[in-house]
PDB file of N, CA and C in Angstrom:
ATOM      1  N   MET A   1      -1.326 108.216  13.212  1.00  0.00           N
ATOM      2  CA  MET A   1      -1.511 107.478  12.747  1.00  0.00           C
ATOM      3  C   MET A   1      -2.251 108.256  11.006  1.00  0.00           C
ATOM      4  N   GLU A   2      -2.978 109.934  11.371  1.00  0.00           N
ATOM      5  CA  GLU A   2      -3.743 110.443  10.536  1.00  0.00           C
ATOM      6  C   GLU A   2      -3.030 110.427   9.053  1.00  0.00           C
ATOM      7  N   ASN A   3      -3.884 110.315   8.212  1.00  0.00           N
ATOM      8  CA  ASN A   3      -3.544 110.194   7.079  1.00  0.00           C
ATOM      9  C   ASN A   3      -2.164 109.039   6.399  1.00  0.00           C
ATOM     10  N   LYS A   4      -2.477 108.004   7.343  1.00  0.00           N
ATOM     11  CA  LYS A   4      -1.606 107.003   7.003  1.00  0.00           C
ATOM     12  C   LYS A   4      -2.283 105.790   6.310  1.00  0.00           C
ATOM     13  N   LEU A   5      -1.815 104.706   5.373  1.00  0.00           N
ATOM     14  CA  LEU A   5      -2.225 103.540   5.189  1.00  0.00           C
ATOM     15  C   LEU A   5      -2.129 102.651   5.785  1.00  0.00           C
ATOM     16  N   VAL A   6      -3.118 102.011   6.299  1.00  0.00           N
ATOM     17  CA  VAL A   6      -2.867 100.864   7.578  1.00  0.00           C
ATOM     18  C   VAL A   6      -3.424  99.708   6.877  1.00  0.00           C
ATOM     19  N   PHE A   7      -2.538  98.741   6.843  1.00  0.00           N
ATOM     20  CA  PHE A   7      -2.628  97.231   6.734  1.00  0.00           C
ATOM     21  C   PHE A   7      -2.953  96.321   8.136  1.00  0.00           C
ATOM     22  N   ARG A   8      -4.173  95.842   7.668  1.00  0.00           N
ATOM     23  CA  ARG A   8      -4.602  94.794   8.980  1.00  0.00           C
ATOM     24  C   ARG A   8      -5.199  93.638   8.211  1.00  0.00           C
ATOM     25  N   ARG A   9      -5.867  92.700   9.367  1.00  0.00           N
ATOM     26  CA  ARG A   9      -6.468  91.608   9.147  1.00  0.00           C
ATOM     27  C   ARG A   9      -8.054  91.880   9.049  1.00  0.00           C
ATOM     28  N   LEU A  10      -8.733  91.027   8.129  1.00  0.00           N
ATOM     29  CA  LEU A  10     -10.437  91.403   8.103  1.00  0.00           C
ATOM     30  C   LEU A  10     -10.739  90.805   9.583  1.00  0.00           C
ATOM     31  N   THR A  11     -11.970  91.888  10.085  1.00  0.00           N
ATOM     32  CA  THR A  11     -12.705  91.334  11.220  1.00  0.00           C
ATOM     33  C   THR A  11     -14.164  90.659  10.730  1.00  0.00           C
ATOM     34  N   GLU A  12     -14.692  90.265  11.737  1.00  0.00           N
ATOM     35  CA  GLU A  12     -16.254  89.908  11.525  1.00  0.00           C
ATOM     36  C   GLU A  12     -17.024  91.507  10.732  1.00  0.00           C
ATOM     37  N   SER A  13     -16.802  92.411  11.123  1.00  0.00           N
ATOM     38  CA  SER A  13     -17.339  93.762  11.221  1.00  0.00           C
ATOM     39  C   SER A  13     -17.227  93.970   9.791  1.00  0.00           C
ATOM     40  N   ASP A  14     -16.330  93.567   9.265  1.00  0.00           N
ATOM     41  CA  ASP A  14     -16.089  94.022   7.575  1.00  0.00           C
ATOM     42  C   ASP A  14     -16.731  93.762   6.537  1.00  0.00           C
ATOM     43  N   TYR A  15     -17.204  92.208   6.678  1.00  0.00           N
ATOM     44  CA  TYR A  15     -17.858  91.415   5.723  1.00  0.00           C
ATOM     45  C   TYR A  15     -19.423  92.545   5.540  1.00  0.00           C
ATOM     46  N   ASN A  16     -19.940  93.017   6.152  1.00  0.00           N
ATOM     47  CA  ASN A  16     -21.208  93.574   5.484  1.00  0.00           C
ATOM     48  C   ASN A  16     -20.473  94.855   4.559  1.00  0.00           C
ATOM     49  N   THR A  17     -19.924  95.389   4.489  1.00  0.00           N
ATOM     50  CA  THR A  17     -18.769  96.401   4.137  1.00  0.00           C
ATOM     51  C   THR A  17     -18.503  96.182   2.632  1.00  0.00           C
ATOM     52  N   ILE A  18     -17.844  95.093   2.742  1.00  0.00           N
ATOM     53  CA  ILE A  18     -17.278  94.339   1.821  1.00  0.00           C
ATOM     54  C   ILE A  18     -18.958  93.974   0.841  1.00  0.00           C
ATOM     55  N   CYS A  19     -19.829  93.464   1.019  1.00  0.00           N
ATOM     56  CA  CYS A  19     -20.739  93.163   0.508  1.00  0.00           C
ATOM     57  C   CYS A  19     -21.183  94.411  -0.051  1.00  0.00           C
ATOM     58  N   GLU A  20     -21.366  95.568   0.559  1.00  0.00           N
ATOM     59  CA  GLU A  20     -21.941  96.421  -0.439  1.00  0.00           C
ATOM     60  C   GLU A  20     -20.903  96.966  -1.135  1.00  0.00           C
ATOM     61  N   TRP A  21     -19.684  96.876  -1.375  1.00  0.00           N
ATOM     62  CA  TRP A  21     -19.068  97.243  -2.408  1.00  0.00           C
ATOM     63  C   TRP A  21     -18.876  96.217  -3.490  1.00  0.00           C
ATOM     64  N   TRP A  22     -19.445  94.884  -3.035  1.00  0.00           N
ATOM     65  CA  TRP A  22     -19.346  93.746  -4.230  1.00  0.00           C
ATOM     66  C   TRP A  22     -20.541  94.257  -4.940  1.00  0.00           C
ATOM     67  N   LYS A  23     -21.913  94.571  -4.391  1.00  0.00           N
ATOM     68  CA  LYS A  23     -22.886  95.003  -5.206  1.00  0.00           C
ATOM     69  C   LYS A  23     -22.731  96.206  -6.033  1.00  0.00           C
ATOM     70  N   TRP A  24     -22.078  97.077  -5.489  1.00  0.00           N
ATOM     71  CA  TRP A  24     -21.924  98.265  -6.275  1.00  0.00           C
ATOM     72  C   TRP A  24     -20.616  98.006  -7.409  1.00  0.00           C
ATOM     73  N   TRP A  25     -20.070  97.567  -7.347  1.00  0.00           N
ATOM     74  CA  TRP A  25     -19.349  96.985  -8.000  1.00  0.00           C
ATOM     75  C   TRP A  25     -20.067  96.013  -9.512  1.00  0.00           C
ATOM     76  N   ARG A  26     -21.596  95.513  -8.945  1.00  0.00           N
ATOM     77  CA  ARG A  26     -22.325  94.237  -9.866  1.00  0.00           C
ATOM     78  C   ARG A  26     -21.399  92.961  -9.908  1.00  0.00           C
ATOM     79  N   TRP A  27     -20.803  92.676  -8.524  1.00  0.00           N
ATOM     80  CA  TRP A  27     -19.982  91.521  -8.206  1.00  0.00           C
ATOM     81  C   TRP A  27     -20.980  90.732  -7.745  1.00  0.00           C
ATOM     82  N   PRO A  28     -20.822  89.189  -7.830  1.00  0.00           N
ATOM     83  CA  PRO A  28     -21.339  88.216  -6.966  1.00  0.00           C
ATOM     84  C   PRO A  28     -21.375  88.826  -5.344  1.00  0.00           C
ATOM     85  N   VAL A  29     -22.546  88.264  -4.400  1.00  0.00           N
ATOM     86  CA  VAL A  29     -21.710  88.295  -3.095  1.00  0.00           C
ATOM     87  C   VAL A  29     -22.022  86.983  -2.585  1.00  0.00           C
ATOM     88  N   MET A  30     -20.289  87.048  -2.060  1.00  0.00           N
ATOM     89  CA  MET A  30     -19.896  85.744  -1.974  1.00  0.00           C
ATOM     90  C   MET A  30     -20.252  85.361   0.026  1.00  0.00           C
ATOM     91  N   PRO A  31     -21.075  84.644  -0.143  1.00  0.00           N
ATOM     92  CA  PRO A  31     -21.643  83.710   1.508  1.00  0.00           C
ATOM     93  C   PRO A  31     -19.924  83.560   2.425  1.00  0.00           C
ATOM     94  N   LYS A  32     -20.698  84.684   3.831  1.00  0.00           N
ATOM     95  CA  LYS A  32     -19.429  84.014   4.387  1.00  0.00           C
ATOM     96  C   LYS A  32     -18.675  82.475   4.035  1.00  0.00           C
ATOM     97  N   GLU A  33     -19.812  81.367   3.923  1.00  0.00           N
ATOM     98  CA  GLU A  33     -18.905  79.992   4.014  1.00  0.00           C
ATOM     99  C   GLU A  33     -18.239  79.743   3.087  1.00  0.00           C
ATOM    100  N   SER A  34     -18.214  80.949   1.703  1.00  0.00           N
ATOM    101  CA  SER A  34     -17.472  80.231   0.267  1.00  0.00           C
ATOM    102  C   SER A  34     -16.427  81.113   0.918  1.00  0.00           C
ATOM    103  N   LEU A  35     -15.834  81.679   1.670  1.00  0.00           N
ATOM    104  CA  LEU A  35     -14.993  82.658   1.970  1.00  0.00           C
ATOM    105  C   LEU A  35     -13.813  81.735   2.929  1.00  0.00           C
ATOM    106  N   PRO A  36     -12.214  82.176   3.057  1.00  0.00           N
ATOM    107  CA  PRO A  36     -11.876  81.320   3.968  1.00  0.00           C
ATOM    108  C   PRO A  36     -11.974  82.101   5.118  1.00  0.00           C
ATOM    109  N   ASP A  37     -11.887  80.938   6.123  1.00  0.00           N
ATOM    110  CA  ASP A  37     -11.833  81.308   7.687  1.00  0.00           C
ATOM    111  C   ASP A  37     -13.600  82.245   7.819  1.00  0.00           C
ATOM    112  N   ASN A  38     -14.340  81.686   6.931  1.00  0.00           N
ATOM    113  CA  ASN A  38     -15.888  82.318   7.218  1.00  0.00           C
ATOM    114  C   ASN A  38     -15.632  83.635   6.621  1.00  0.00           C
ATOM    115  N   GLY A  39     -14.993  84.338   5.945  1.00  0.00           N
ATOM    116  CA  GLY A  39     -14.983  85.607   5.769  1.00  0.00           C
ATOM    117  C   GLY A  39     -13.708  86.491   6.298  1.00  0.00           C
ATOM    118  N   LYS A  40     -13.201  85.862   7.384  1.00  0.00           N
ATOM    119  CA  LYS A  40     -11.636  86.746   7.977  1.00  0.00           C
ATOM    120  C   LYS A  40     -10.773  86.488   7.945  1.00  0.00           C
ATOM    121  N   SER A  41     -10.214  85.512   6.699  1.00  0.00           N
ATOM    122  CA  SER A  41      -9.054  85.142   6.087  1.00  0.00           C
ATOM    123  C   SER A  41      -8.917  86.242   4.991  1.00  0.00           C
ATOM    124  N   GLY A  42      -8.621  87.261   5.278  1.00  0.00           N
ATOM    125  CA  GLY A  42      -7.954  88.253   4.347  1.00  0.00           C
ATOM    126  C   GLY A  42      -7.481  89.693   5.063  1.00  0.00           C
ATOM    127  N   PHE A  43      -7.647  90.636   3.921  1.00  0.00           N
ATOM    128  CA  PHE A  43      -6.398  91.503   4.667  1.00  0.00           C
ATOM    129  C   PHE A  43      -7.619  93.137   4.165  1.00  0.00           C
ATOM    130  N   ILE A  44      -7.661  93.998   5.019  1.00  0.00           N
ATOM    131  CA  ILE A  44      -7.962  95.716   4.336  1.00  0.00           C
ATOM    132  C   ILE A  44      -6.941  96.597   4.458  1.00  0.00           C
ATOM    133  N   VAL A  45      -6.509  97.772   3.563  1.00  0.00           N
ATOM    134  CA  VAL A  45      -6.374  98.764   3.897  1.00  0.00           C
ATOM    135  C   VAL A  45      -7.143 100.009   4.007  1.00  0.00           C
ATOM    136  N   GLU A  46      -7.136 100.694   4.957  1.00  0.00           N
ATOM    137  CA  GLU A  46      -7.745 102.141   5.494  1.00  0.00           C
ATOM    138  C   GLU A  46      -6.475 102.842   5.804  1.00  0.00           C
ATOM    139  N   LYS A  47      -7.393 104.115   5.726  1.00  0.00           N
ATOM    140  CA  LYS A  47      -6.857 105.731   5.969  1.00  0.00           C
ATOM    141  C   LYS A  47      -7.674 105.937   6.500  1.00  0.00           C
ATOM    142  N   ASN A  48      -7.306 106.649   8.033  1.00  0.00           N
ATOM    143  CA  ASN A  48      -8.178 107.609   8.918  1.00  0.00           C
ATOM    144  C   ASN A  48      -9.599 106.850   8.732  1.00  0.00           C
ATOM    145  N   ASN A  49      -9.096 105.314   9.677  1.00  0.00           N
ATOM    146  CA  ASN A  49     -10.778 104.400   9.568  1.00  0.00           C
ATOM    147  C   ASN A  49     -11.594 104.655   8.453  1.00  0.00           C
ATOM    148  N   ILE A  50     -11.243 104.669   7.354  1.00  0.00           N
ATOM    149  CA  ILE A  50     -11.722 104.587   6.202  1.00  0.00           C
ATOM    150  C   ILE A  50     -11.069 103.574   5.487  1.00  0.00           C
ATOM    151  N   PRO A  51     -12.331 102.556   5.366  1.00  0.00           N
ATOM    152  CA  PRO A  51     -11.507 101.343   4.423  1.00  0.00           C
ATOM    153  C   PRO A  51     -11.813 101.444   2.822  1.00  0.00           C
ATOM    154  N   ILE A  52     -10.593 101.010   1.963  1.00  0.00           N
ATOM    155  CA  ILE A  52     -10.389 101.445   0.825  1.00  0.00           C
ATOM    156  C   ILE A  52     -10.338 100.155   0.006  1.00  0.00           C
ATOM    157  N   VAL A  53      -9.580  99.321   0.439  1.00  0.00           N
ATOM    158  CA  VAL A  53      -9.519  98.011  -0.861  1.00  0.00           C
ATOM    159  C   VAL A  53      -9.266  97.024   0.084  1.00  0.00           C
ATOM    160  N   CYS A  54      -9.849  95.512  -0.235  1.00  0.00           N
ATOM    161  CA  CYS A  54      -9.659  94.411   0.582  1.00  0.00           C
ATOM    162  C   CYS A  54      -9.336  93.324  -0.240  1.00  0.00           C
ATOM    163  N   CYS A  55      -9.151  92.267   0.030  1.00  0.00           N
ATOM    164  CA  CYS A  55      -8.941  90.462  -0.265  1.00  0.00           C
ATOM    165  C   CYS A  55      -8.902  89.594   0.046  1.00  0.00           C
ATOM    166  N   PHE A  56      -9.341  88.555   0.225  1.00  0.00           N
ATOM    167  CA  PHE A  56      -8.943  87.506   0.364  1.00  0.00           C
ATOM    168  C   PHE A  56      -7.817  86.328   0.069  1.00  0.00           C
ATOM    169  N   LEU A  57      -7.690  85.631   0.972  1.00  0.00           N
ATOM    170  CA  LEU A  57      -6.418  84.772   1.009  1.00  0.00           C
ATOM    171  C   LEU A  57      -6.848  83.448   1.652  1.00  0.00           C
ATOM    172  N   PHE A  58      -7.014  82.760   0.484  1.00  0.00           N
ATOM    173  CA  PHE A  58      -6.786  81.366   0.262  1.00  0.00           C
ATOM    174  C   PHE A  58      -5.758  80.735   0.661  1.00  0.00           C
ATOM    175  N   ILE A  59      -5.393  80.217   1.406  1.00  0.00           N
ATOM    176  CA  ILE A  59      -4.470  78.932   1.573  1.00  0.00           C
ATOM    177  C   ILE A  59      -4.862  77.610   1.433  1.00  0.00           C
ATOM    178  N   THR A  60      -3.345  77.131   0.633  1.00  0.00           N
ATOM    179  CA  THR A  60      -3.557  75.712   0.185  1.00  0.00           C
ATOM    180  C   THR A  60      -2.730  74.621   1.212  1.00  0.00           C
ATOM    181  N   ASN A  61      -2.779  73.643   0.845  1.00  0.00           N
ATOM    182  CA  ASN A  61      -2.099  72.413   1.773  1.00  0.00           C
ATOM    183  C   ASN A  61      -0.522  72.345   0.890  1.00  0.00           C
ATOM    184  N   SER A  62      -0.210  73.472   0.304  1.00  0.00           N
ATOM    185  CA  SER A  62       1.103  73.341  -0.456  1.00  0.00           C
ATOM    186  C   SER A  62       1.810  74.689  -0.497  1.00  0.00           C
ATOM    187  N   ASN A  63       2.531  75.112  -0.464  1.00  0.00           N
ATOM    188  CA  ASN A  63       3.133  76.249  -0.764  1.00  0.00           C
ATOM    189  C   ASN A  63       2.735  77.675  -1.959  1.00  0.00           C
ATOM    190  N   TRP A  64       1.578  77.316  -1.970  1.00  0.00           N
ATOM    191  CA  TRP A  64       1.087  78.289  -2.792  1.00  0.00           C
ATOM    192  C   TRP A  64      -0.148  78.709  -2.217  1.00  0.00           C
ATOM    193  N   ALA A  65      -0.517  80.150  -2.020  1.00  0.00           N
ATOM    194  CA  ALA A  65      -2.008  80.689  -2.243  1.00  0.00           C
ATOM    195  C   ALA A  65      -2.348  81.531  -2.908  1.00  0.00           C
ATOM    196  N   LYS A  66      -3.624  81.397  -2.743  1.00  0.00           N
ATOM    197  CA  LYS A  66      -4.982  82.314  -3.986  1.00  0.00           C
ATOM    198  C   LYS A  66      -4.835  83.778  -3.405  1.00  0.00           C
ATOM    199  N   LEU A  67      -4.806  84.658  -3.804  1.00  0.00           N
ATOM    200  CA  LEU A  67      -5.431  85.783  -3.856  1.00  0.00           C
ATOM    201  C   LEU A  67      -6.633  86.175  -4.391  1.00  0.00           C
ATOM    202  N   GLU A  68      -7.338  86.579  -4.107  1.00  0.00           N
ATOM    203  CA  GLU A  68      -8.526  86.877  -4.693  1.00  0.00           C
ATOM    204  C   GLU A  68     -10.048  87.911  -4.102  1.00  0.00           C
ATOM    205  N   TRP A  69     -10.496  88.281  -4.823  1.00  0.00           N
ATOM    206  CA  TRP A  69     -11.853  88.803  -4.532  1.00  0.00           C
ATOM    207  C   TRP A  69     -11.700  90.397  -4.005  1.00  0.00           C
ATOM    208  N   VAL A  70     -10.517  90.370  -4.293  1.00  0.00           N
ATOM    209  CA  VAL A  70      -9.876  92.163  -4.392  1.00  0.00           C
ATOM    210  C   VAL A  70     -10.740  92.919  -4.844  1.00  0.00           C
ATOM    211  N   VAL A  71     -11.013  94.055  -3.845  1.00  0.00           N
ATOM    212  CA  VAL A  71     -12.196  94.926  -4.311  1.00  0.00           C
ATOM    213  C   VAL A  71     -12.040  96.351  -3.757  1.00  0.00           C
ATOM    214  N   SER A  72     -12.558  97.260  -4.138  1.00  0.00           N
ATOM    215  CA  SER A  72     -12.561  98.277  -3.604  1.00  0.00           C
ATOM    216  C   SER A  72     -13.460  99.273  -2.877  1.00  0.00           C
ATOM    217  N   ASN A  73     -13.548  99.934  -2.297  1.00  0.00           N
ATOM    218  CA  ASN A  73     -14.673 101.042  -1.956  1.00  0.00           C
ATOM    219  C   ASN A  73     -14.828 102.486  -3.184  1.00  0.00           C
ATOM    220  N   PRO A  74     -16.320 102.093  -3.600  1.00  0.00           N
ATOM    221  CA  PRO A  74     -16.562 102.668  -4.494  1.00  0.00           C
ATOM    222  C   PRO A  74     -16.515 104.171  -4.023  1.00  0.00           C
ATOM    223  N   LYS A  75     -16.714 104.567  -3.240  1.00  0.00           N
ATOM    224  CA  LYS A  75     -16.499 105.968  -2.581  1.00  0.00           C
ATOM    225  C   LYS A  75     -15.406 106.984  -2.488  1.00  0.00           C
ATOM    226  N   TYR A  76     -14.404 105.817  -2.586  1.00  0.00           N
ATOM    227  CA  TYR A  76     -13.005 106.177  -2.209  1.00  0.00           C
ATOM    228  C   TYR A  76     -12.549 107.075  -3.158  1.00  0.00           C
ATOM    229  N   LYS A  77     -12.448 108.339  -3.338  1.00  0.00           N
ATOM    230  CA  LYS A  77     -11.502 108.971  -4.670  1.00  0.00           C
ATOM    231  C   LYS A  77     -10.193 109.482  -4.489  1.00  0.00           C
ATOM    232  N   GLU A  78      -9.535 109.326  -3.159  1.00  0.00           N
ATOM    233  CA  GLU A  78      -8.375 110.263  -3.211  1.00  0.00           C
ATOM    234  C   GLU A  78      -7.005 109.546  -4.267  1.00  0.00           C
ATOM    235  N   LYS A  79      -6.611 110.844  -3.661  1.00  0.00           N
ATOM    236  CA  LYS A  79      -5.169 110.490  -5.307  1.00  0.00           C
ATOM    237  C   LYS A  79      -4.371 109.182  -4.826  1.00  0.00           C
ATOM    238  N   ASP A  80      -4.485 108.381  -3.423  1.00  0.00           N
ATOM    239  CA  ASP A  80      -3.267 107.156  -3.266  1.00  0.00           C
ATOM    240  C   ASP A  80      -4.325 106.112  -3.193  1.00  0.00           C
ATOM    241  N   ARG A  81      -5.028 106.360  -4.020  1.00  0.00           N
ATOM    242  CA  ARG A  81      -6.564 105.134  -3.996  1.00  0.00           C
ATOM    243  C   ARG A  81      -5.174 103.876  -4.773  1.00  0.00           C
ATOM    244  N   LYS A  82      -4.298 104.034  -5.506  1.00  0.00           N
ATOM    245  CA  LYS A  82      -3.126 103.120  -6.509  1.00  0.00           C
ATOM    246  C   LYS A  82      -2.366 102.687  -5.274  1.00  0.00           C
ATOM    247  N   GLN A  83      -2.137 103.583  -4.786  1.00  0.00           N
ATOM    248  CA  GLN A  83      -0.972 103.053  -3.723  1.00  0.00           C
ATOM    249  C   GLN A  83      -1.889 102.015  -2.720  1.00  0.00           C
ATOM    250  N   ALA A  84      -2.919 102.057  -2.330  1.00  0.00           N
ATOM    251  CA  ALA A  84      -3.714 101.350  -0.849  1.00  0.00           C
ATOM    252  C   ALA A  84      -3.227 100.196  -1.884  1.00  0.00           C
ATOM    253  N   ILE A  85      -3.766 100.384  -2.739  1.00  0.00           N
ATOM    254  CA  ILE A  85      -4.392  98.670  -3.624  1.00  0.00           C
ATOM    255  C   ILE A  85      -2.305  97.740  -3.726  1.00  0.00           C
ATOM    256  N   GLU A  86      -1.546  98.765  -4.020  1.00  0.00           N
ATOM    257  CA  GLU A  86      -0.128  98.233  -3.793  1.00  0.00           C
ATOM    258  C   GLU A  86       0.395  97.737  -2.464  1.00  0.00           C
ATOM    259  N   THR A  87      -0.026  98.771  -1.686  1.00  0.00           N
ATOM    260  CA  THR A  87       0.340  98.471  -0.128  1.00  0.00           C
ATOM    261  C   THR A  87      -0.646  97.051  -0.203  1.00  0.00           C
ATOM    262  N   LEU A  88      -1.909  96.780  -0.167  1.00  0.00           N
ATOM    263  CA  LEU A  88      -2.525  95.893   0.262  1.00  0.00           C
ATOM    264  C   LEU A  88      -1.370  93.940  -0.464  1.00  0.00           C
ATOM    265  N   ILE A  89      -1.311  94.478  -1.508  1.00  0.00           N
ATOM    266  CA  ILE A  89      -0.848  93.193  -2.201  1.00  0.00           C
ATOM    267  C   ILE A  89       0.841  93.277  -1.850  1.00  0.00           C
ATOM    268  N   THR A  90       1.717  94.044  -1.281  1.00  0.00           N
ATOM    269  CA  THR A  90       2.854  94.079  -0.590  1.00  0.00           C
ATOM    270  C   THR A  90       2.959  93.311   0.453  1.00  0.00           C
ATOM    271  N   ASN A  91       1.805  93.846   1.097  1.00  0.00           N
ATOM    272  CA  ASN A  91       1.485  93.363   2.455  1.00  0.00           C
ATOM    273  C   ASN A  91       0.845  91.946   2.388  1.00  0.00           C
ATOM    274  N   VAL A  92       0.476  91.236   1.683  1.00  0.00           N
ATOM    275  CA  VAL A  92       0.182  90.068   2.200  1.00  0.00           C
ATOM    276  C   VAL A  92       1.162  89.052   1.216  1.00  0.00           C
ATOM    277  N   GLU A  93       2.205  89.893   0.420  1.00  0.00           N
ATOM    278  CA  GLU A  93       3.130  88.709   0.108  1.00  0.00           C
ATOM    279  C   GLU A  93       4.064  89.111   1.177  1.00  0.00           C
ATOM    280  N   ILE A  94       4.107  89.833   2.174  1.00  0.00           N
ATOM    281  CA  ILE A  94       5.484  89.663   3.234  1.00  0.00           C
ATOM    282  C   ILE A  94       4.504  88.621   4.139  1.00  0.00           C
ATOM    283  N   VAL A  95       3.051  88.457   4.294  1.00  0.00           N
ATOM    284  CA  VAL A  95       2.571  87.440   5.231  1.00  0.00           C
ATOM    285  C   VAL A  95       2.661  86.424   4.771  1.00  0.00           C
ATOM    286  N   CYS A  96       2.565  86.166   3.363  1.00  0.00           N
ATOM    287  CA  CYS A  96       2.926  84.386   2.575  1.00  0.00           C
ATOM    288  C   CYS A  96       4.106  83.935   3.040  1.00  0.00           C
ATOM    289  N   LYS A  97       4.562  84.957   2.643  1.00  0.00           N
ATOM    290  CA  LYS A  97       6.826  84.757   3.074  1.00  0.00           C
ATOM    291  C   LYS A  97       7.001  84.355   4.438  1.00  0.00           C
ATOM    292  N   SER A  98       5.918  84.786   5.501  1.00  0.00           N
ATOM    293  CA  SER A  98       6.511  84.674   6.761  1.00  0.00           C
ATOM    294  C   SER A  98       5.781  83.419   7.034  1.00  0.00           C
ATOM    295  N   MET A  99       4.479  82.849   6.362  1.00  0.00           N
ATOM    296  CA  MET A  99       4.097  81.521   6.374  1.00  0.00           C
ATOM    297  C   MET A  99       4.659  80.542   5.708  1.00  0.00           C
ATOM    298  N   GLY A 100       5.723  80.635   4.678  1.00  0.00           N
ATOM    299  CA  GLY A 100       6.630  79.894   3.929  1.00  0.00           C
ATOM    300  C   GLY A 100       6.055  79.664   2.767  1.00  0.00           C
ATOM    301  N   ILE A 101       4.590  80.286   2.179  1.00  0.00           N
ATOM    302  CA  ILE A 101       4.378  80.311   1.246  1.00  0.00           C
ATOM    303  C   ILE A 101       5.430  81.113   0.143  1.00  0.00           C
ATOM    304  N   LYS A 102       5.709  79.984  -0.953  1.00  0.00           N
ATOM    305  CA  LYS A 102       6.787  80.391  -2.048  1.00  0.00           C
ATOM    306  C   LYS A 102       5.573  81.393  -3.154  1.00  0.00           C
ATOM    307  N   HIS A 103       4.339  80.827  -3.389  1.00  0.00           N
ATOM    308  CA  HIS A 103       3.737  81.205  -4.385  1.00  0.00           C
ATOM    309  C   HIS A 103       2.434  82.274  -4.399  1.00  0.00           C
ATOM    310  N   MET A 104       2.360  82.910  -4.772  1.00  0.00           N
ATOM    311  CA  MET A 104       0.574  83.617  -4.613  1.00  0.00           C
ATOM    312  C   MET A 104       0.508  83.877  -6.020  1.00  0.00           C
ATOM    313  N   PHE A 105      -0.923  83.797  -6.296  1.00  0.00           N
ATOM    314  CA  PHE A 105      -1.548  83.693  -7.606  1.00  0.00           C
ATOM    315  C   PHE A 105      -2.937  83.905  -7.156  1.00  0.00           C
ATOM    316  N   SER A 106      -3.405  84.579  -8.505  1.00  0.00           N
ATOM    317  CA  SER A 106      -4.884  84.868  -8.631  1.00  0.00           C
ATOM    318  C   SER A 106      -5.446  84.936  -9.852  1.00  0.00           C
ATOM    319  N   PHE A 107      -6.940  84.657  -9.826  1.00  0.00           N
ATOM    320  CA  PHE A 107      -7.563  84.234 -11.011  1.00  0.00           C
ATOM    321  C   PHE A 107      -8.190  85.806 -11.649  1.00  0.00           C
ATOM    322  N   ASP A 108      -8.402  86.127 -12.795  1.00  0.00           N
ATOM    323  CA  ASP A 108      -9.420  86.890 -12.822  1.00  0.00           C
ATOM    324  C   ASP A 108     -10.941  86.651 -13.664  1.00  0.00           C
ATOM    325  N   CYS A 109     -11.481  85.785 -13.129  1.00  0.00           N
ATOM    326  CA  CYS A 109     -12.409  85.285 -13.372  1.00  0.00           C
ATOM    327  C   CYS A 109     -13.214  84.563 -12.577  1.00  0.00           C
ATOM    328  N   SER A 110     -14.700  84.223 -12.331  1.00  0.00           N
ATOM    329  CA  SER A 110     -14.868  83.011 -11.361  1.00  0.00           C
ATOM    330  C   SER A 110     -16.114  82.550 -12.303  1.00  0.00           C
ATOM    331  N   CYS A 111     -16.329  81.023 -11.692  1.00  0.00           N
ATOM    332  CA  CYS A 111     -17.528  80.148 -12.480  1.00  0.00           C
ATOM    333  C   CYS A 111     -18.104  79.483 -11.222  1.00  0.00           C
ATOM    334  N   ALA A 112     -18.852  78.639 -10.994  1.00  0.00           N
ATOM    335  CA  ALA A 112     -19.591  77.935 -10.422  1.00  0.00           C
ATOM    336  C   ALA A 112     -19.545  76.693 -10.647  1.00  0.00           C
ATOM    337  N   CYS A 113     -19.283  75.588 -10.275  1.00  0.00           N
ATOM    338  CA  CYS A 113     -19.666  74.209 -10.188  1.00  0.00           C
ATOM    339  C   CYS A 113     -21.238  73.637  -9.595  1.00  0.00           C
ATOM    340  N   ASN A 114     -22.128  73.423 -10.434  1.00  0.00           N
ATOM    341  CA  ASN A 114     -23.194  72.948 -10.474  1.00  0.00           C
ATOM    342  C   ASN A 114     -23.432  71.724 -10.426  1.00  0.00           C
ATOM    343  N   ASN A 115     -23.423  70.958  -9.032  1.00  0.00           N
ATOM    344  CA  ASN A 115     -24.100  69.764  -8.881  1.00  0.00           C
ATOM    345  C   ASN A 115     -25.523  69.014  -9.190  1.00  0.00           C
TER     346      ASN A 115
END
């Protein structure tokens, strides 16, 4: 599997890596409890065990799902970076279809509700 893009589910150990990426990109670091399944309901693409890009999938109680917090490894500079992103999204679509989800969407902004 050397030099091949590999799509897989997030694991508990991925969270710290993703937090470092968020910090580098100057994004807010999302606490685990704000992410689906405490940060494990998402996917990552890697090559040669180097993580490249990831996302989180928020499943709703309808046939819609929300793909969010797509973030990439800022140190990964290989030419297949764009292909890794496409691999991530294409495979998440396949997962959604297998779950009966008909629509996947994403927002490009974030906001917080203060009570």
